[in-house]
Protein backbone atom coordinates (compact mmCIF):
# COMPACT_ATOMS: atom_id res chain seq x y z
CA UNK A 1 -43.86 4.20 -0.32
CA UNK A 2 -40.84 6.11 -1.64
CA UNK A 3 -43.17 8.72 -3.18
CA UNK A 4 -45.16 8.98 0.07
CA UNK A 5 -41.98 9.52 2.10
CA UNK A 6 -40.73 12.18 -0.33
CA UNK A 7 -44.13 13.91 -0.19
CA UNK A 8 -43.82 14.02 3.60
CA UNK A 9 -40.45 15.76 3.46
CA UNK A 10 -38.02 12.85 3.76
CA UNK A 11 -34.82 13.55 1.87
CA UNK A 12 -31.79 11.56 0.90
CA UNK A 13 -31.26 8.36 -0.99
CA UNK A 14 -34.55 6.47 -0.57
CA UNK A 15 -35.00 3.03 -2.14
CA UNK A 16 -37.92 0.63 -2.09
CA UNK A 17 -37.11 -2.77 -0.64
CA UNK A 18 -39.50 -5.44 -1.78
CA UNK A 19 -40.41 -8.94 -0.64
CA UNK A 20 -39.94 -12.36 -2.14
CA UNK A 21 -41.33 -15.84 -2.49
CA UNK A 22 -39.56 -19.14 -1.88
CA UNK A 23 -39.72 -20.61 -5.38
CA UNK A 24 -38.87 -24.08 -4.07
CA UNK A 25 -42.27 -24.07 -2.34
CA UNK A 26 -44.37 -21.90 -4.65
CA UNK A 27 -43.81 -23.87 -7.84
CA UNK A 28 -46.12 -23.72 -10.89
CA UNK A 29 -45.45 -27.45 -11.40
CA UNK A 30 -47.79 -28.16 -8.47
CA UNK A 31 -50.81 -27.53 -10.68
CA UNK A 32 -52.75 -30.74 -11.20
CA UNK A 33 -56.22 -29.33 -11.67
CA UNK A 34 -58.80 -31.39 -13.47
CA UNK A 35 -62.38 -30.63 -14.42
CA UNK A 36 -63.97 -27.63 -16.04
CA UNK A 37 -65.05 -25.81 -12.88
CA UNK A 38 -62.96 -22.67 -12.32
CA UNK A 39 -61.59 -22.11 -8.84
CA UNK A 40 -61.54 -18.66 -7.26
CA UNK A 41 -59.23 -18.46 -4.27
CA UNK A 42 -58.62 -16.14 -1.36
CA UNK A 43 -55.85 -16.69 1.19
CA UNK A 44 -55.27 -14.77 4.39
CA UNK A 45 -56.49 -13.88 7.82
CA UNK A 46 -60.27 -14.20 7.90
CA UNK A 47 -61.29 -10.86 9.37
CA UNK A 48 -63.87 -8.26 8.46
CA UNK A 49 -61.40 -5.61 7.25
CA UNK A 50 -60.08 -7.97 4.54
CA UNK A 51 -63.18 -7.38 2.37
CA UNK A 52 -64.09 -11.06 2.29
CA UNK A 53 -67.81 -10.35 1.90
CA UNK A 54 -67.00 -8.96 -1.54
CA UNK A 55 -65.23 -12.22 -2.42
CA UNK A 56 -67.91 -14.49 -0.95
CA UNK A 57 -70.72 -12.62 -2.74
CA UNK A 58 -69.22 -13.18 -6.19
CA UNK A 59 -71.64 -14.99 -8.49
CA UNK A 60 -69.73 -16.17 -11.54
CA UNK A 61 -71.21 -19.20 -13.29
CA UNK A 62 -68.95 -22.25 -13.44
CA UNK A 63 -66.78 -21.19 -10.51
CA UNK A 64 -66.18 -22.45 -6.99
CA UNK A 65 -64.87 -20.21 -4.19
CA UNK A 66 -62.30 -21.35 -1.63
CA UNK A 67 -61.01 -19.41 1.38
CA UNK A 68 -57.72 -20.58 2.90
CA UNK A 69 -57.10 -19.10 6.33
CA UNK A 70 -58.63 -18.64 9.72
CA UNK A 71 -59.66 -15.76 11.91
CA UNK A 72 -62.38 -14.07 13.94
CA UNK A 73 -64.78 -13.56 11.01
CA UNK A 74 -64.71 -17.16 9.72
CA UNK A 75 -67.74 -18.52 11.64
CA UNK A 76 -69.93 -15.63 10.50
CA UNK A 77 -68.84 -15.99 6.88
CA UNK A 78 -69.42 -19.76 6.90
CA UNK A 79 -73.02 -19.23 8.08
CA UNK A 80 -73.63 -16.38 5.65
CA UNK A 81 -72.09 -18.06 2.57
CA UNK A 82 -72.65 -21.84 2.58
CA UNK A 83 -71.53 -22.02 -1.07
CA UNK A 84 -67.96 -20.99 -0.12
CA UNK A 85 -65.49 -23.69 0.91
CA UNK A 86 -63.56 -22.62 4.04
CA UNK A 87 -60.56 -24.94 4.45
CA UNK A 88 -58.71 -23.31 7.35
CA UNK A 89 -55.08 -22.27 7.57
CA UNK A 90 -52.53 -24.03 5.34
CA UNK A 91 -48.76 -23.71 5.06
CA UNK A 92 -45.90 -24.91 2.89
CA UNK A 93 -46.64 -27.24 0.01
CA UNK A 94 -50.33 -27.62 0.96
CA UNK A 95 -50.77 -23.86 0.68
CA UNK A 96 -48.82 -23.68 -2.57
CA UNK A 97 -51.05 -26.39 -4.07
CA UNK A 98 -54.17 -24.31 -3.36
CA UNK A 99 -52.61 -21.36 -5.19
CA UNK A 100 -51.41 -23.51 -8.09
CA UNK A 101 -54.80 -25.17 -8.62
CA UNK A 102 -56.79 -21.95 -8.49
CA UNK A 103 -57.72 -20.22 -11.72
CA UNK A 104 -57.85 -16.73 -10.21
CA UNK A 105 -56.70 -15.40 -6.87
CA UNK A 106 -59.13 -12.74 -5.63
CA UNK A 107 -57.71 -10.03 -3.38
CA UNK A 108 -60.76 -8.10 -2.09
CA UNK A 109 -59.00 -5.97 0.53
CA UNK A 110 -59.00 -2.22 0.08
CA UNK A 111 -56.77 -1.57 3.10
CA UNK A 112 -53.82 -4.02 2.97
CA UNK A 113 -50.50 -2.47 2.14
CA UNK A 114 -48.48 -5.05 0.24
CA UNK A 115 -50.16 -8.44 0.27
CA UNK A 116 -47.51 -11.17 0.15
CA UNK A 117 -50.37 -13.48 -0.83
CA UNK A 118 -50.44 -11.71 -4.19
CA UNK A 119 -46.84 -12.56 -5.02
CA UNK A 120 -47.31 -16.14 -3.77
CA UNK A 121 -50.16 -16.52 -6.23
CA UNK A 122 -48.19 -15.02 -9.10
CA UNK A 123 -45.25 -17.33 -8.41
CA UNK A 124 -47.36 -20.37 -9.32
CA UNK A 125 -48.96 -18.68 -12.34
CA UNK A 126 -52.34 -17.75 -10.88
CA UNK A 127 -53.43 -14.26 -11.94
CA UNK A 128 -54.90 -11.84 -9.40
CA UNK A 129 -58.18 -9.91 -9.48
CA UNK A 130 -58.23 -6.92 -7.15
CA UNK A 131 -59.47 -3.43 -6.53
CA UNK A 132 -57.22 -0.60 -7.82
CA UNK A 133 -55.77 0.31 -4.43
CA UNK A 134 -52.27 0.51 -2.91
CA UNK A 135 -50.81 -2.95 -2.57
CA UNK A 136 -52.23 -4.47 -5.74
CA UNK A 137 -51.23 -1.33 -7.69
CA UNK A 138 -47.67 -1.74 -6.42
CA UNK A 139 -47.45 -5.38 -7.51
CA UNK A 140 -49.73 -6.20 -10.43
CA UNK A 141 -48.98 -5.62 -14.10
CA UNK A 142 -52.39 -5.12 -15.75
CA UNK A 143 -52.86 -7.37 -18.73
CA UNK A 144 -50.07 -9.70 -17.61
CA UNK A 145 -50.29 -10.70 -13.92
CA UNK A 146 -53.69 -9.41 -12.91
CA UNK A 147 -56.49 -6.98 -13.37
CA UNK A 148 -57.69 -4.23 -11.04
CA UNK A 149 -61.07 -2.59 -11.31
CA UNK A 150 -64.02 -1.33 -9.28
CA UNK A 151 -65.96 -4.56 -9.98
CA UNK A 152 -64.30 -7.76 -8.74
CA UNK A 153 -66.53 -9.96 -10.92
CA UNK A 154 -65.32 -8.15 -14.04
CA UNK A 155 -61.72 -8.41 -12.86
CA UNK A 156 -62.13 -12.16 -12.32
CA UNK A 157 -63.65 -12.67 -15.78
CA UNK A 158 -60.71 -10.85 -17.37
CA UNK A 159 -58.14 -12.84 -15.35
CA UNK A 160 -59.69 -16.16 -16.38
CA UNK A 161 -58.23 -15.57 -19.86
CA UNK A 162 -54.68 -14.77 -18.73
CA UNK A 163 -51.72 -16.89 -19.79
CA UNK A 164 -50.33 -18.61 -16.68
CA UNK A 165 -46.85 -18.91 -18.18
CA UNK A 166 -46.73 -15.13 -18.68
CA UNK A 167 -47.79 -14.66 -15.06
CA UNK A 168 -44.93 -16.89 -13.85
CA UNK A 169 -42.38 -15.13 -16.07
CA UNK A 170 -43.44 -11.67 -14.89
CA UNK A 171 -43.38 -12.82 -11.25
CA UNK A 172 -39.66 -13.59 -11.32
CA UNK A 173 -38.82 -10.22 -9.78
CA UNK A 174 -40.53 -11.31 -6.54
CA UNK A 175 -37.78 -13.58 -5.23
CA UNK A 176 -35.70 -13.57 -2.07
CA UNK A 177 -32.66 -13.26 -4.30
CA UNK A 178 -34.02 -9.96 -5.66
CA UNK A 179 -34.65 -8.78 -2.10
CA UNK A 180 -31.07 -9.59 -1.18
CA UNK A 181 -29.74 -7.71 -4.22
CA UNK A 182 -31.71 -4.57 -3.31
CA UNK A 183 -30.44 -4.77 0.26
CA UNK A 184 -26.86 -5.42 -0.77
CA UNK A 185 -26.74 -2.70 -3.40
CA UNK A 186 -28.34 -0.05 -1.22
CA UNK A 187 -27.11 -0.75 2.28
CA UNK A 188 -24.19 -3.13 2.48
CA UNK A 189 -22.24 -1.55 -0.39
CA UNK A 190 -22.71 1.93 1.06
CA UNK A 191 -21.31 0.85 4.42
């Protein structure tokens, strides 16, 4: 965003201000997964522009797909993809447990800007497979927290081998405390 603003002629002291995750809710200790089946997860508003067809069409042996969320495209997707488990909207601990028990979070959107769902997933140690577009490019560290590529299936396969502890460690910059520090250092101290 800072680079885009500079390219459009904005001048002065520009700083990026990020977002955070409540680590008391999004806790990697919530993982209690059993069984060998790998879980692929998507969380968000269920609408056409989110690229959910790309997620639902994934055919990776030994995996199960879950969509957490609700929206205007849900009924159509449920009819079209009976192999996908649509569980509706979740919040708080229930939502965090879905993230923690997934093996890969799949972010199929090509149009979202930031994607708080990405940092929620990282906070519990679940790596993210995504397209190489703004949003994921601004958040993910390839080889550590996620993989971005033109083929989501390939990105998922790569993420299945990621070390969840490394994902959690790298995600520590996405906290509300970090957000406060950026704000304080760049606005409050100036005033």
